[in-house]
Amino acid sequence: MSSKKKTDSPGGQKLIAENRKARFDYFIEETYEAGLVLEGWEVKSLRAGRANLTEAYAVLKNGEAFLIGANVAPLLSASTHVKPDPIRTRKLLLGRRELDRLAGAVEREGYTLVPLKLYWSRSRAKLALGLAKGKKKHDKRATEKDRDWQRQKARILKPR
């Protein structure tokens, strides 16, 4: 059996992990693409698709961005001389202007940085970061209501 790779865009970016709950819990204002500083065993695990972003978030410290809480499960065949830490803090690679803009938005305007998806772009692991504001409970209900209406509309308009 052949396994089909999930592609995210026509450019052939292969999706590793996606944080679907982020779009439900936050209003995403802008998205940024960041590289990741990874160890060898982490790259192997990502190639096997063993990553989880559901409880991850990003912070800015001393002019650098870090990804906290992302779970990259180690493979059983990982190197014997390395003690893998699946939830270690990983550094994000962003440009100076992007970091300055994000720092201003997070500190002054009350935004938060949420990881949206992890994918391969030209054989490099990339993270889509969202500059987000939290949703209130009534906003979430409205989102659910709209989603249900779209689903019902599709059923009604479906050709028989």
N, C-alpha and C. Protein backbone atom coordinates (compact mmCIF):
# COMPACT_ATOMS: atom_id res chain seq x y z
N MET A 1 0.83 -1.18 0.00
CA MET A 1 0.00 0.00 0.00
C MET A 1 0.87 1.24 0.00
N SER A 2 0.50 2.21 -0.79
CA SER A 2 1.27 3.45 -0.83
C SER A 2 0.62 4.46 0.12
N SER A 3 1.45 5.16 0.85
CA SER A 3 0.91 6.17 1.76
C SER A 3 0.94 7.51 1.04
N LYS A 4 -0.19 8.20 1.07
CA LYS A 4 -0.27 9.51 0.42
C LYS A 4 0.16 10.57 1.42
N LYS A 5 0.97 11.48 0.97
CA LYS A 5 1.41 12.59 1.80
C LYS A 5 0.37 13.69 1.73
N LYS A 6 0.12 14.32 2.87
CA LYS A 6 -0.80 15.45 2.90
C LYS A 6 -0.07 16.66 2.34
N THR A 7 -0.65 17.31 1.35
CA THR A 7 -0.05 18.54 0.85
C THR A 7 -0.94 19.69 1.24
N ASP A 8 -0.34 20.78 1.62
CA ASP A 8 -1.07 21.93 2.10
C ASP A 8 -1.35 22.92 0.98
N SER A 9 -0.48 23.02 0.01
CA SER A 9 -0.65 24.02 -1.03
C SER A 9 -0.21 23.46 -2.36
N PRO A 10 -0.51 24.15 -3.45
CA PRO A 10 -0.07 23.68 -4.76
C PRO A 10 1.44 23.61 -4.89
N GLY A 11 2.17 24.34 -4.05
CA GLY A 11 3.62 24.31 -4.08
C GLY A 11 4.20 23.01 -3.57
N GLY A 12 3.38 22.12 -3.05
CA GLY A 12 3.83 20.82 -2.60
C GLY A 12 4.41 20.81 -1.19
N GLN A 13 3.99 21.73 -0.34
CA GLN A 13 4.46 21.72 1.03
C GLN A 13 3.76 20.57 1.76
N LYS A 14 4.54 19.70 2.37
CA LYS A 14 3.97 18.54 3.05
C LYS A 14 3.68 18.89 4.49
N LEU A 15 2.44 18.69 4.88
CA LEU A 15 1.99 19.01 6.23
C LEU A 15 2.45 17.94 7.21
N ILE A 16 3.04 18.36 8.32
CA ILE A 16 3.47 17.45 9.37
C ILE A 16 2.42 17.41 10.47
N ALA A 17 2.05 18.58 10.98
CA ALA A 17 1.07 18.67 12.06
C ALA A 17 0.32 19.98 11.92
N GLU A 18 -0.92 19.98 12.38
CA GLU A 18 -1.75 21.18 12.30
C GLU A 18 -2.44 21.39 13.63
N ASN A 19 -2.57 22.63 14.03
CA ASN A 19 -3.25 22.99 15.27
C ASN A 19 -4.63 23.53 14.90
N ARG A 20 -5.60 22.64 14.75
CA ARG A 20 -6.94 23.06 14.33
C ARG A 20 -7.66 23.85 15.42
N LYS A 21 -7.35 23.56 16.64
CA LYS A 21 -8.03 24.23 17.75
C LYS A 21 -7.66 25.72 17.83
N ALA A 22 -6.53 26.08 17.25
CA ALA A 22 -6.09 27.48 17.31
C ALA A 22 -7.07 28.40 16.59
N ARG A 23 -7.58 27.99 15.45
CA ARG A 23 -8.51 28.84 14.71
C ARG A 23 -9.87 28.91 15.42
N PHE A 24 -10.16 27.93 16.25
CA PHE A 24 -11.40 27.95 17.02
C PHE A 24 -11.27 28.85 18.24
N ASP A 25 -10.10 28.85 18.88
CA ASP A 25 -9.89 29.60 20.11
C ASP A 25 -9.42 31.03 19.91
N TYR A 26 -8.90 31.36 18.72
CA TYR A 26 -8.30 32.68 18.50
C TYR A 26 -8.76 33.28 17.17
N PHE A 27 -8.76 34.62 17.12
CA PHE A 27 -8.87 35.35 15.86
C PHE A 27 -7.44 35.51 15.35
N ILE A 28 -7.13 34.95 14.18
CA ILE A 28 -5.78 35.03 13.63
C ILE A 28 -5.70 36.30 12.77
N GLU A 29 -4.86 37.25 13.18
CA GLU A 29 -4.72 38.51 12.46
C GLU A 29 -3.71 38.39 11.32
N GLU A 30 -2.52 37.89 11.62
CA GLU A 30 -1.46 37.75 10.63
C GLU A 30 -0.77 36.41 10.83
N THR A 31 -0.15 35.92 9.75
CA THR A 31 0.63 34.69 9.88
C THR A 31 2.07 34.96 9.45
N TYR A 32 2.99 34.27 10.10
CA TYR A 32 4.41 34.38 9.81
C TYR A 32 4.97 32.98 9.63
N GLU A 33 6.00 32.87 8.79
CA GLU A 33 6.68 31.60 8.61
C GLU A 33 8.01 31.65 9.32
N ALA A 34 8.25 30.65 10.17
CA ALA A 34 9.48 30.61 10.95
C ALA A 34 10.16 29.27 10.76
N GLY A 35 11.48 29.29 10.74
CA GLY A 35 12.24 28.06 10.73
C GLY A 35 12.40 27.56 12.16
N LEU A 36 12.86 26.32 12.30
CA LEU A 36 13.03 25.72 13.62
C LEU A 36 14.47 25.23 13.78
N VAL A 37 15.01 25.37 14.98
CA VAL A 37 16.31 24.78 15.29
C VAL A 37 16.01 23.40 15.88
N LEU A 38 16.42 22.36 15.15
CA LEU A 38 16.08 20.99 15.54
C LEU A 38 17.33 20.14 15.72
N GLU A 39 17.18 19.07 16.47
CA GLU A 39 18.23 18.07 16.61
C GLU A 39 17.96 16.97 15.59
N GLY A 40 18.95 16.10 15.39
CA GLY A 40 18.82 15.06 14.38
C GLY A 40 17.66 14.11 14.60
N TRP A 41 17.45 13.67 15.84
CA TRP A 41 16.36 12.74 16.11
C TRP A 41 15.01 13.40 15.88
N GLU A 42 14.93 14.73 16.09
CA GLU A 42 13.67 15.43 15.88
C GLU A 42 13.31 15.47 14.39
N VAL A 43 14.31 15.65 13.56
CA VAL A 43 14.06 15.67 12.11
C VAL A 43 13.52 14.31 11.67
N LYS A 44 14.12 13.24 12.18
CA LYS A 44 13.65 11.90 11.83
C LYS A 44 12.21 11.68 12.30
N SER A 45 11.89 12.15 13.48
CA SER A 45 10.53 12.01 13.99
C SER A 45 9.54 12.82 13.18
N LEU A 46 9.95 14.03 12.77
CA LEU A 46 9.06 14.86 11.95
C LEU A 46 8.83 14.22 10.59
N ARG A 47 9.86 13.61 10.03
CA ARG A 47 9.68 12.90 8.75
C ARG A 47 8.68 11.77 8.89
N ALA A 48 8.62 11.17 10.08
CA ALA A 48 7.65 10.10 10.33
C ALA A 48 6.29 10.66 10.74
N GLY A 49 6.18 11.99 10.88
CA GLY A 49 4.90 12.63 11.20
C GLY A 49 4.52 12.54 12.66
N ARG A 50 5.48 12.48 13.55
CA ARG A 50 5.20 12.29 14.97
C ARG A 50 5.33 13.60 15.74
N ALA A 51 4.50 14.58 15.41
CA ALA A 51 4.53 15.87 16.09
C ALA A 51 3.11 16.27 16.49
N ASN A 52 3.02 17.07 17.56
CA ASN A 52 1.73 17.52 18.06
C ASN A 52 1.87 18.97 18.51
N LEU A 53 0.98 19.84 18.00
CA LEU A 53 1.05 21.27 18.31
C LEU A 53 -0.11 21.76 19.17
N THR A 54 -0.96 20.87 19.65
CA THR A 54 -2.20 21.32 20.29
C THR A 54 -1.98 22.17 21.53
N GLU A 55 -0.98 21.88 22.33
CA GLU A 55 -0.77 22.66 23.55
C GLU A 55 0.46 23.56 23.45
N ALA A 56 0.92 23.82 22.25
CA ALA A 56 2.13 24.61 22.06
C ALA A 56 1.80 26.10 21.97
N TYR A 57 2.79 26.91 22.30
CA TYR A 57 2.68 28.35 22.14
C TYR A 57 4.08 28.91 21.93
N ALA A 58 4.16 30.15 21.49
CA ALA A 58 5.45 30.78 21.23
C ALA A 58 5.61 32.00 22.13
N VAL A 59 6.84 32.23 22.57
CA VAL A 59 7.13 33.40 23.41
C VAL A 59 8.34 34.13 22.83
N LEU A 60 8.45 35.39 23.19
CA LEU A 60 9.60 36.21 22.80
C LEU A 60 10.40 36.55 24.05
N LYS A 61 11.70 36.19 24.05
CA LYS A 61 12.60 36.49 25.17
C LYS A 61 13.90 37.03 24.61
N ASN A 62 14.34 38.14 25.14
CA ASN A 62 15.63 38.74 24.77
C ASN A 62 15.80 38.89 23.25
N GLY A 63 14.75 39.28 22.56
CA GLY A 63 14.84 39.49 21.13
C GLY A 63 14.87 38.21 20.31
N GLU A 64 14.50 37.07 20.89
CA GLU A 64 14.44 35.80 20.17
C GLU A 64 13.09 35.16 20.42
N ALA A 65 12.66 34.30 19.48
CA ALA A 65 11.39 33.61 19.61
C ALA A 65 11.64 32.14 19.92
N PHE A 66 10.80 31.58 20.80
CA PHE A 66 10.93 30.19 21.19
C PHE A 66 9.57 29.50 21.13
N LEU A 67 9.58 28.24 20.74
CA LEU A 67 8.38 27.41 20.70
C LEU A 67 8.40 26.53 21.95
N ILE A 68 7.33 26.64 22.74
CA ILE A 68 7.25 25.91 24.00
C ILE A 68 6.04 24.97 23.96
N GLY A 69 6.23 23.75 24.42
CA GLY A 69 5.12 22.81 24.56
C GLY A 69 4.81 21.98 23.34
N ALA A 70 5.55 22.12 22.26
CA ALA A 70 5.33 21.28 21.08
C ALA A 70 5.90 19.90 21.35
N ASN A 71 5.12 18.88 21.09
CA ASN A 71 5.54 17.52 21.39
C ASN A 71 6.01 16.83 20.12
N VAL A 72 7.28 16.47 20.08
CA VAL A 72 7.85 15.69 18.98
C VAL A 72 8.26 14.36 19.59
N ALA A 73 7.45 13.34 19.35
CA ALA A 73 7.68 12.03 19.96
C ALA A 73 8.90 11.37 19.31
N PRO A 74 9.84 10.87 20.12
CA PRO A 74 11.03 10.24 19.54
C PRO A 74 10.70 8.88 18.94
N LEU A 75 11.43 8.52 17.93
CA LEU A 75 11.28 7.20 17.33
C LEU A 75 11.95 6.16 18.22
N LEU A 76 11.52 4.94 18.12
CA LEU A 76 12.13 3.87 18.91
C LEU A 76 13.56 3.60 18.45
N SER A 77 13.83 3.88 17.18
CA SER A 77 15.17 3.64 16.64
C SER A 77 16.05 4.87 16.73
N ALA A 78 15.76 5.78 17.66
CA ALA A 78 16.58 6.98 17.81
C ALA A 78 17.97 6.60 18.30
N SER A 79 18.86 7.50 18.15
CA SER A 79 20.25 7.25 18.51
C SER A 79 20.38 6.88 19.99
N THR A 80 21.30 5.99 20.29
CA THR A 80 21.44 5.51 21.66
C THR A 80 22.19 6.48 22.56
N HIS A 81 23.00 7.34 22.01
CA HIS A 81 23.79 8.26 22.83
C HIS A 81 23.07 9.58 23.13
N VAL A 82 21.83 9.71 22.65
CA VAL A 82 21.07 10.95 22.86
C VAL A 82 19.86 10.62 23.73
N LYS A 83 19.63 11.45 24.76
CA LYS A 83 18.44 11.31 25.58
C LYS A 83 17.39 12.27 25.04
N PRO A 84 16.41 11.78 24.28
CA PRO A 84 15.44 12.69 23.66
C PRO A 84 14.47 13.29 24.67
N ASP A 85 14.25 14.59 24.56
CA ASP A 85 13.26 15.30 25.37
C ASP A 85 12.16 15.76 24.42
N PRO A 86 10.99 15.10 24.43
CA PRO A 86 9.96 15.40 23.44
C PRO A 86 9.36 16.80 23.55
N ILE A 87 9.39 17.41 24.72
CA ILE A 87 8.72 18.70 24.89
C ILE A 87 9.74 19.81 25.18
N ARG A 88 10.92 19.70 24.63
CA ARG A 88 11.93 20.72 24.90
C ARG A 88 11.58 22.04 24.20
N THR A 89 12.14 23.13 24.68
CA THR A 89 11.94 24.44 24.08
C THR A 89 12.81 24.54 22.83
N ARG A 90 12.20 24.92 21.70
CA ARG A 90 12.91 25.02 20.44
C ARG A 90 12.96 26.47 19.98
N LYS A 91 14.10 26.88 19.47
CA LYS A 91 14.27 28.25 19.00
C LYS A 91 13.64 28.39 17.62
N LEU A 92 12.98 29.52 17.39
CA LEU A 92 12.38 29.84 16.10
C LEU A 92 13.26 30.83 15.36
N LEU A 93 13.38 30.63 14.07
CA LEU A 93 14.24 31.48 13.24
C LEU A 93 13.37 32.47 12.47
N LEU A 94 13.45 33.72 12.87
CA LEU A 94 12.70 34.80 12.23
C LEU A 94 13.66 35.95 11.94
N GLY A 95 13.28 36.81 11.00
CA GLY A 95 14.08 37.99 10.69
C GLY A 95 13.95 39.03 11.78
N ARG A 96 14.92 39.93 11.85
CA ARG A 96 14.94 40.95 12.90
C ARG A 96 13.70 41.84 12.83
N ARG A 97 13.29 42.24 11.63
CA ARG A 97 12.10 43.10 11.50
C ARG A 97 10.84 42.38 11.96
N GLU A 98 10.74 41.09 11.61
CA GLU A 98 9.57 40.31 12.04
C GLU A 98 9.55 40.19 13.56
N LEU A 99 10.71 39.94 14.16
CA LEU A 99 10.78 39.83 15.62
C LEU A 99 10.39 41.14 16.28
N ASP A 100 10.87 42.26 15.75
CA ASP A 100 10.53 43.56 16.32
C ASP A 100 9.04 43.85 16.21
N ARG A 101 8.45 43.54 15.06
CA ARG A 101 7.02 43.76 14.86
C ARG A 101 6.20 42.88 15.81
N LEU A 102 6.60 41.62 15.95
CA LEU A 102 5.90 40.70 16.85
C LEU A 102 6.04 41.14 18.30
N ALA A 103 7.22 41.57 18.68
CA ALA A 103 7.44 42.02 20.06
C ALA A 103 6.54 43.20 20.38
N GLY A 104 6.43 44.14 19.46
CA GLY A 104 5.55 45.29 19.68
C GLY A 104 4.10 44.88 19.81
N ALA A 105 3.66 43.97 18.96
CA ALA A 105 2.26 43.54 19.00
C ALA A 105 1.95 42.74 20.26
N VAL A 106 2.87 41.90 20.67
CA VAL A 106 2.62 41.06 21.85
C VAL A 106 2.65 41.90 23.13
N GLU A 107 3.62 42.79 23.25
CA GLU A 107 3.78 43.55 24.48
C GLU A 107 2.75 44.68 24.61
N ARG A 108 2.55 45.45 23.53
CA ARG A 108 1.70 46.63 23.63
C ARG A 108 0.24 46.36 23.33
N GLU A 109 -0.03 45.53 22.35
CA GLU A 109 -1.41 45.39 21.88
C GLU A 109 -2.12 44.15 22.41
N GLY A 110 -1.46 43.35 23.21
CA GLY A 110 -2.12 42.21 23.84
C GLY A 110 -2.34 41.00 22.95
N TYR A 111 -1.56 40.85 21.91
CA TYR A 111 -1.67 39.68 21.05
C TYR A 111 -0.90 38.52 21.65
N THR A 112 -1.13 37.34 21.12
CA THR A 112 -0.37 36.16 21.50
C THR A 112 0.12 35.45 20.25
N LEU A 113 1.16 34.66 20.37
CA LEU A 113 1.72 33.92 19.24
C LEU A 113 1.29 32.46 19.35
N VAL A 114 0.59 31.99 18.32
CA VAL A 114 0.04 30.64 18.32
C VAL A 114 0.60 29.88 17.13
N PRO A 115 1.17 28.69 17.33
CA PRO A 115 1.60 27.89 16.19
C PRO A 115 0.39 27.29 15.48
N LEU A 116 0.31 27.47 14.16
CA LEU A 116 -0.83 27.00 13.40
C LEU A 116 -0.56 25.66 12.72
N LYS A 117 0.57 25.55 12.04
CA LYS A 117 0.90 24.28 11.39
C LYS A 117 2.40 24.14 11.23
N LEU A 118 2.82 22.89 11.12
CA LEU A 118 4.21 22.53 10.95
C LEU A 118 4.29 21.78 9.63
N TYR A 119 5.20 22.18 8.75
CA TYR A 119 5.24 21.59 7.42
C TYR A 119 6.67 21.62 6.87
N TRP A 120 6.88 20.86 5.80
CA TRP A 120 8.16 20.85 5.09
C TRP A 120 8.09 21.82 3.93
N SER A 121 9.07 22.66 3.80
CA SER A 121 9.18 23.56 2.67
C SER A 121 10.60 23.46 2.15
N ARG A 122 10.78 22.91 0.95
CA ARG A 122 12.09 22.68 0.35
C ARG A 122 13.02 21.94 1.31
N SER A 123 12.53 20.85 1.86
CA SER A 123 13.22 19.93 2.78
C SER A 123 13.68 20.61 4.07
N ARG A 124 13.03 21.69 4.45
CA ARG A 124 13.29 22.32 5.74
C ARG A 124 11.98 22.39 6.51
N ALA A 125 12.04 22.14 7.81
CA ALA A 125 10.85 22.20 8.65
C ALA A 125 10.51 23.66 8.91
N LYS A 126 9.28 24.04 8.65
CA LYS A 126 8.81 25.41 8.87
C LYS A 126 7.58 25.38 9.77
N LEU A 127 7.40 26.47 10.50
CA LEU A 127 6.26 26.60 11.40
C LEU A 127 5.49 27.85 11.00
N ALA A 128 4.19 27.71 10.80
CA ALA A 128 3.34 28.86 10.54
C ALA A 128 2.86 29.40 11.89
N LEU A 129 3.27 30.62 12.20
CA LEU A 129 2.90 31.26 13.46
C LEU A 129 1.78 32.26 13.21
N GLY A 130 0.82 32.29 14.08
CA GLY A 130 -0.27 33.24 13.95
C GLY A 130 -0.23 34.29 15.04
N LEU A 131 -0.37 35.55 14.66
CA LEU A 131 -0.51 36.63 15.62
C LEU A 131 -2.00 36.70 15.93
N ALA A 132 -2.38 36.38 17.16
CA ALA A 132 -3.78 36.10 17.44
C ALA A 132 -4.29 36.85 18.67
N LYS A 133 -5.59 37.08 18.68
CA LYS A 133 -6.31 37.58 19.85
C LYS A 133 -7.28 36.51 20.28
N GLY A 134 -7.45 36.34 21.57
CA GLY A 134 -8.33 35.29 22.09
C GLY A 134 -9.80 35.58 21.81
N LYS A 135 -10.57 34.52 21.57
CA LYS A 135 -12.01 34.64 21.37
C LYS A 135 -12.73 34.49 22.71
N LYS A 136 -13.83 35.18 22.83
CA LYS A 136 -14.69 35.01 23.99
C LYS A 136 -15.64 33.85 23.71
N LYS A 137 -16.39 33.45 24.72
CA LYS A 137 -17.28 32.30 24.58
C LYS A 137 -18.35 32.55 23.52
N HIS A 138 -18.90 33.77 23.48
CA HIS A 138 -19.95 34.05 22.50
C HIS A 138 -19.40 34.06 21.07
N ASP A 139 -18.13 34.42 20.91
CA ASP A 139 -17.50 34.36 19.59
C ASP A 139 -17.37 32.92 19.12
N LYS A 140 -17.01 32.03 20.05
CA LYS A 140 -16.88 30.62 19.69
C LYS A 140 -18.22 30.03 19.29
N ARG A 141 -19.28 30.43 20.00
CA ARG A 141 -20.63 29.93 19.65
C ARG A 141 -21.03 30.41 18.26
N ALA A 142 -20.70 31.65 17.94
CA ALA A 142 -21.02 32.17 16.61
C ALA A 142 -20.26 31.41 15.53
N THR A 143 -19.00 31.08 15.81
CA THR A 143 -18.21 30.30 14.85
C THR A 143 -18.83 28.93 14.63
N GLU A 144 -19.26 28.28 15.72
CA GLU A 144 -19.91 26.97 15.58
C GLU A 144 -21.20 27.06 14.79
N LYS A 145 -21.96 28.11 15.06
CA LYS A 145 -23.24 28.30 14.36
C LYS A 145 -23.01 28.49 12.86
N ASP A 146 -22.02 29.29 12.50
CA ASP A 146 -21.70 29.51 11.08
C ASP A 146 -21.24 28.21 10.43
N ARG A 147 -20.42 27.44 11.13
CA ARG A 147 -19.95 26.18 10.58
C ARG A 147 -21.10 25.20 10.35
N ASP A 148 -22.03 25.14 11.31
CA ASP A 148 -23.20 24.25 11.14
C ASP A 148 -24.06 24.70 9.97
N TRP A 149 -24.23 26.02 9.82
CA TRP A 149 -25.03 26.52 8.71
C TRP A 149 -24.39 26.19 7.37
N GLN A 150 -23.08 26.33 7.28
CA GLN A 150 -22.38 25.99 6.03
C GLN A 150 -22.54 24.51 5.71
N ARG A 151 -22.49 23.66 6.73
CA ARG A 151 -22.66 22.22 6.54
C ARG A 151 -24.08 21.91 6.05
N GLN A 152 -25.09 22.55 6.67
CA GLN A 152 -26.49 22.33 6.25
C GLN A 152 -26.71 22.84 4.83
N LYS A 153 -26.16 24.00 4.52
CA LYS A 153 -26.31 24.57 3.19
C LYS A 153 -25.72 23.65 2.13
N ALA A 154 -24.55 23.06 2.44
CA ALA A 154 -23.93 22.14 1.50
C ALA A 154 -24.79 20.90 1.28
N ARG A 155 -25.44 20.42 2.34
CA ARG A 155 -26.33 19.26 2.21
C ARG A 155 -27.54 19.58 1.35
N ILE A 156 -28.10 20.77 1.55
CA ILE A 156 -29.31 21.17 0.80
C ILE A 156 -28.99 21.36 -0.66
N LEU A 157 -27.86 22.01 -0.95
CA LEU A 157 -27.51 22.32 -2.33
C LEU A 157 -26.81 21.17 -3.05
N LYS A 158 -26.58 20.07 -2.34
CA LYS A 158 -25.87 18.93 -2.92
C LYS A 158 -26.73 18.33 -4.05
N PRO A 159 -26.15 18.15 -5.24
CA PRO A 159 -26.94 17.57 -6.34
C PRO A 159 -27.26 16.10 -6.07
N ARG A 160 -28.47 15.73 -6.42
CA ARG A 160 -28.91 14.36 -6.15
C ARG A 160 -28.90 13.53 -7.39
